[in-house]
Each structure stands twice: as C-alpha cells, then as structure tokens.
Amino acid sequence: MRISASLAGLLFATVFFAASTQSVHAQSQNDQQTNAQSAPTSVVEDKKVQVQPGDYLEKIAEENATTYPRLYDANVNIQDPDIIYPGDTLRIPKPDEQLASRAVPQDAPPVVAQALAAVVPKAAAKPRATPAAAPVAAISDGSVWDSLARCESGGNWAINTGNGYYGGLQFTLSTWQGVGGSGYPHQASREEQIARGKILQARSGWGQWPACTAKLGLR
C-alpha cells in the first residue's frame, strides 16, 4: 500500500510539472507575439535637398530622378517654379506618391504669333547652311525674349533682388560667365542679355526657364 501511494504521488508530481512547463512555454510564446506586434515599424523619412547657387528646379528634379512639376507640386512654399532661392530646402517626392496638381502662376502676357515665329521658325524655312551669328543690335520690343523677361522679372533688365538671379532673364552669375558674360548680368544692356540668352538656349534648350517657357508655349 505504501509503494502504491508513493508511485501515485510521483505520477501526480510528474503530470503537474509537465503541465506547468507547457503553460510557461505557451505564455512565453504569447509574450513574444505581443512584443512583435507592439514593436514600432520603421518610417522612411522624406528626402530633402538644399538649393545651391546656380540651381534651378528642373536641374534639381533631374538630379533626383523626378520631374520639375512633381517637385513644384510637392513644395507648396514655392510660389513660382522659376524662382527658388539658395539655402531653401526642397522635399523630393517619392516615386509612387500621389500629389495634388498646383496651377502655375499665369502672370505672363501671351506671346504673339509673329514674335514666336521669329525666334522659332518653321523647319522648312530654315536654311541648311549654318547662319552667321547675329550681331548684338536692336531687337524688336515684340520679341519672345521680352515676353520671357516680363515673365521672369517683370521686364526689368536691371533687376537685382539679392536672390542670386540677375537681370531680365534671371541669370545666375556662373551661368552668365559660362556663356561669355562679364561683370553682372543686370549691369549689361538688354541686347547683350538677350544675346547671352540665345547662346544658353542653343546649348541647353528652353528648359533653363522651365515654367515661363511652358507658359509661353515655347516647349
């Protein structure tokens, strides 16, 4: 009888220990699952860049694999896509980010058809031979460059607001020097600024003035 009682006690202790072990193991798994669920997920921060002297919106967009309209839409602090300031911080939108489209300011006068045709002639009318460089001479007040200047600077060829952009066509100093200009752009005559603008446009296209040339229908 004593042996049977001892065996019964040993059996009870074994069963109780096994049940306790399973309970502790189950509780440990539950704790791990709870901790995993409550762990914070990592958040990918927005990429931001600082505007440097000589930067313009399309250049920054190309360097960051986006487009200047998306960059303009993502940064509501930009009032005009043609005017950004060194030291400003711009947020680069994610490739799949949905952005509300923002209207470009419509403060520039329309370009008359004659002025546009004078600067961008039809392909059929272009001579095949390379034309001689036009001298820096008087340019019609109806020229497309005057319309571009009205959009860029209000038509003030001597403007210098201290934002790093100068003259009627809002050259940066480095760009001005890159097309052969000396001194500061706003100190040059209207005719010279237009001549330098033509050199820049021939090298890099109308994208040097992205928003205004889009408004004027030049691209």
Protein backbone atom coordinates (compact mmCIF):
# COMPACT_ATOMS: atom_id res chain seq x y z
CA MET A 1 0.00 0.00 0.00
CA ARG A 2 2.88 2.43 0.81
CA ILE A 3 4.56 1.65 -2.50
CA SER A 4 1.34 2.35 -4.40
CA ALA A 5 0.86 5.65 -2.57
CA SER A 6 4.44 6.70 -3.39
CA LEU A 7 4.00 5.81 -7.04
CA ALA A 8 0.74 7.76 -7.15
CA GLY A 9 2.46 10.79 -5.63
CA LEU A 10 5.35 10.58 -8.08
CA LEU A 11 2.95 10.27 -11.00
CA PHE A 12 0.98 13.33 -9.82
CA ALA A 13 4.16 15.41 -9.47
CA THR A 14 5.30 14.43 -12.97
CA VAL A 15 1.96 15.38 -14.54
CA PHE A 16 1.87 18.71 -12.62
CA PHE A 17 5.43 19.60 -13.68
CA ALA A 18 4.71 18.83 -17.36
CA ALA A 19 1.54 20.93 -17.30
CA SER A 20 3.38 23.82 -15.66
CA THR A 21 6.18 23.66 -18.26
CA GLN A 22 3.68 23.74 -21.14
CA SER A 23 1.89 26.70 -19.53
CA VAL A 24 5.14 28.67 -19.14
CA HIS A 25 6.17 27.87 -22.73
CA ALA A 26 2.76 28.98 -24.06
CA GLN A 27 2.97 32.20 -22.01
CA SER A 28 6.47 32.87 -23.42
CA GLN A 29 5.22 32.49 -26.98
CA ASN A 30 2.30 34.82 -26.28
CA ASP A 31 4.68 37.42 -24.82
CA GLN A 32 6.92 37.20 -27.92
CA GLN A 33 3.93 37.66 -30.24
CA THR A 34 2.68 40.61 -28.20
CA ASN A 35 6.11 42.25 -28.26
CA ALA A 36 6.43 41.70 -32.03
CA GLN A 37 3.00 43.27 -32.62
CA SER A 38 3.73 46.27 -30.41
CA ALA A 39 7.21 46.95 -31.88
CA PRO A 40 7.19 50.23 -33.84
CA THR A 41 7.58 50.00 -37.60
CA SER A 42 10.38 51.95 -39.21
CA VAL A 43 9.34 55.12 -41.02
CA VAL A 44 11.19 56.17 -44.17
CA GLU A 45 11.92 59.87 -43.91
CA ASP A 46 11.37 62.18 -46.88
CA LYS A 47 14.48 63.06 -48.88
CA LYS A 48 15.32 66.74 -48.73
CA VAL A 49 17.87 68.81 -50.63
CA GLN A 50 19.15 72.33 -50.13
CA VAL A 51 19.13 74.75 -53.05
CA GLN A 52 22.64 75.80 -54.07
CA PRO A 53 23.65 78.92 -56.02
CA GLY A 54 23.08 78.25 -59.72
CA ASP A 55 20.39 75.61 -59.09
CA TYR A 56 17.03 75.73 -60.82
CA LEU A 57 14.01 73.48 -60.35
CA GLU A 58 14.47 71.32 -63.45
CA LYS A 59 18.14 70.71 -62.63
CA ILE A 60 17.29 69.57 -59.08
CA ALA A 61 14.49 67.35 -60.45
CA GLU A 62 16.82 65.62 -62.95
CA GLU A 63 19.48 65.06 -60.26
CA ASN A 64 16.88 63.35 -58.05
CA ALA A 65 15.09 61.22 -60.67
CA THR A 66 11.85 63.20 -60.69
CA THR A 67 10.29 65.99 -62.74
CA TYR A 68 10.09 69.68 -62.04
CA PRO A 69 6.21 69.70 -61.99
CA ARG A 70 6.24 66.98 -59.27
CA LEU A 71 8.91 68.92 -57.38
CA TYR A 72 6.78 72.08 -57.68
CA ASP A 73 3.64 70.20 -56.55
CA ALA A 74 5.45 68.68 -53.55
CA ASN A 75 6.78 72.02 -52.26
CA VAL A 76 3.89 74.40 -51.69
CA ASN A 77 6.29 77.03 -50.36
CA ILE A 78 7.46 77.64 -53.96
CA GLN A 79 5.26 80.41 -55.33
CA ASP A 80 6.73 80.38 -58.84
CA PRO A 81 8.66 77.37 -60.25
CA ASP A 82 11.06 79.78 -61.99
CA ILE A 83 12.10 81.40 -58.70
CA ILE A 84 13.93 79.44 -55.99
CA TYR A 85 16.48 80.77 -53.55
CA PRO A 86 19.86 79.40 -52.41
CA GLY A 87 19.50 77.96 -48.93
CA ASP A 88 15.88 76.85 -49.43
CA THR A 89 15.11 73.23 -48.53
CA LEU A 90 13.08 71.22 -51.03
CA ARG A 91 11.35 67.90 -50.36
CA ILE A 92 11.85 65.22 -53.04
CA PRO A 93 8.55 63.36 -53.58
CA LYS A 94 8.53 59.56 -53.54
CA PRO A 95 8.10 57.91 -56.98
CA ASP A 96 4.67 56.48 -56.08
CA GLU A 97 3.48 59.50 -54.09
CA GLN A 98 0.15 60.99 -55.16
CA LEU A 99 0.45 64.78 -55.40
CA ALA A 100 -2.20 67.42 -55.89
CA SER A 101 -1.50 69.33 -59.07
CA ARG A 102 -0.76 73.02 -58.50
CA ALA A 103 -1.52 75.71 -61.03
CA VAL A 104 1.45 77.65 -62.38
CA PRO A 105 1.02 81.43 -61.91
CA GLN A 106 -0.40 82.93 -65.07
CA ASP A 107 1.10 86.41 -64.85
CA ALA A 108 2.94 86.48 -68.16
CA PRO A 109 1.37 88.03 -71.27
CA PRO A 110 0.78 85.73 -74.25
CA VAL A 111 3.42 85.67 -76.96
CA VAL A 112 2.21 86.97 -80.27
CA ALA A 113 2.48 84.53 -83.16
CA GLN A 114 4.82 86.81 -85.11
CA ALA A 115 7.34 87.02 -82.25
CA LEU A 116 7.30 83.27 -81.71
CA ALA A 117 7.77 82.62 -85.41
CA ALA A 118 10.73 85.00 -85.50
CA VAL A 119 12.61 83.06 -82.82
CA VAL A 120 11.39 79.53 -83.56
CA PRO A 121 10.97 79.45 -87.38
CA LYS A 122 9.42 76.50 -89.14
CA ALA A 123 11.83 73.76 -90.15
CA ALA A 124 11.01 74.23 -93.84
CA ALA A 125 12.07 77.86 -93.70
CA LYS A 126 15.45 77.13 -92.09
CA PRO A 127 18.46 77.24 -94.40
CA ARG A 128 20.63 74.17 -94.31
CA ALA A 129 23.85 76.18 -94.07
CA THR A 130 24.86 77.39 -90.62
CA PRO A 131 23.80 81.04 -90.41
CA ALA A 132 26.26 83.69 -89.30
CA ALA A 133 25.95 84.81 -85.69
CA ALA A 134 23.61 87.76 -85.35
CA PRO A 135 25.29 90.95 -84.07
CA VAL A 136 24.20 92.48 -80.78
CA ALA A 137 21.81 95.00 -82.25
CA ALA A 138 18.39 96.47 -81.59
CA ILE A 139 15.74 93.81 -81.06
CA SER A 140 12.03 94.37 -81.60
CA ASP A 141 10.01 95.17 -78.48
CA GLY A 142 7.68 92.35 -79.51
CA SER A 143 10.44 89.75 -79.30
CA VAL A 144 9.89 86.49 -77.47
CA TRP A 145 12.80 87.45 -75.21
CA ASP A 146 10.90 90.49 -73.98
CA SER A 147 7.94 88.28 -73.21
CA LEU A 148 10.22 85.85 -71.38
CA ALA A 149 11.76 88.73 -69.41
CA ARG A 150 8.30 90.01 -68.45
CA CYS A 151 7.52 86.56 -67.05
CA GLU A 152 10.89 86.11 -65.32
CA SER A 153 11.49 89.59 -63.89
CA GLY A 154 8.56 91.80 -64.74
CA GLY A 155 10.55 93.04 -67.75
CA ASN A 156 13.16 94.76 -65.56
CA TRP A 157 16.50 94.21 -67.28
CA ALA A 158 18.41 95.87 -64.41
CA ILE A 159 16.80 93.92 -61.56
CA ASN A 160 18.93 92.58 -58.68
CA THR A 161 16.88 91.48 -55.68
CA GLY A 162 19.76 89.71 -53.92
CA ASN A 163 18.38 86.20 -54.52
CA GLY A 164 21.28 85.09 -56.72
CA TYR A 165 19.46 85.76 -60.02
CA TYR A 166 20.16 88.86 -62.11
CA GLY A 167 18.71 90.83 -64.97
CA GLY A 168 15.70 90.43 -67.18
CA LEU A 169 16.32 86.74 -67.88
CA GLN A 170 17.33 85.93 -64.28
CA PHE A 171 20.81 84.58 -64.98
CA THR A 172 22.91 83.20 -62.16
CA LEU A 173 26.42 84.63 -62.17
CA SER A 174 28.01 81.25 -63.01
CA THR A 175 25.65 80.70 -65.95
CA TRP A 176 26.25 84.24 -67.19
CA GLN A 177 30.00 83.74 -67.11
CA GLY A 178 29.57 80.33 -68.78
CA VAL A 179 28.05 81.99 -71.87
CA GLY A 180 30.81 84.61 -72.08
CA GLY A 181 29.30 87.39 -70.00
CA SER A 182 31.47 89.67 -67.88
CA GLY A 183 30.51 91.63 -64.77
CA TYR A 184 26.95 91.04 -63.58
CA PRO A 185 24.03 90.27 -65.90
CA HIS A 186 21.84 93.12 -64.61
CA GLN A 187 24.63 95.60 -65.44
CA ALA A 188 24.62 94.57 -69.11
CA SER A 189 22.33 96.02 -71.75
CA ARG A 190 19.08 94.38 -72.73
CA GLU A 191 20.61 93.47 -76.10
CA GLU A 192 23.60 91.72 -74.53
CA GLN A 193 21.41 89.83 -72.07
CA ILE A 194 19.29 88.58 -74.96
CA ALA A 195 22.40 87.60 -76.93
CA ARG A 196 23.71 85.60 -73.95
CA GLY A 197 20.24 84.10 -73.50
CA LYS A 198 20.29 82.87 -77.09
CA ILE A 199 23.66 81.19 -76.50
CA LEU A 200 22.30 79.47 -73.38
CA GLN A 201 19.13 78.41 -75.18
CA ALA A 202 21.14 76.96 -78.08
CA ARG A 203 23.23 74.92 -75.65
CA SER A 204 20.63 73.75 -73.14
CA GLY A 205 17.20 74.45 -74.62
CA TRP A 206 14.25 76.35 -73.17
CA GLY A 207 14.41 74.21 -70.00
CA GLN A 208 16.70 76.85 -68.49
CA TRP A 209 13.47 78.82 -67.92
CA PRO A 210 11.08 75.90 -67.29
CA ALA A 211 7.87 77.48 -66.04
CA CYS A 212 7.91 80.66 -68.11
CA THR A 213 8.73 78.94 -71.41
CA ALA A 214 5.95 76.44 -70.69
CA LYS A 215 3.53 79.34 -70.16
CA LEU A 216 4.68 80.99 -73.36
CA GLY A 217 4.28 77.81 -75.40
CA LEU A 218 7.96 77.50 -76.30
CA ARG A 219 8.10 73.82 -75.31
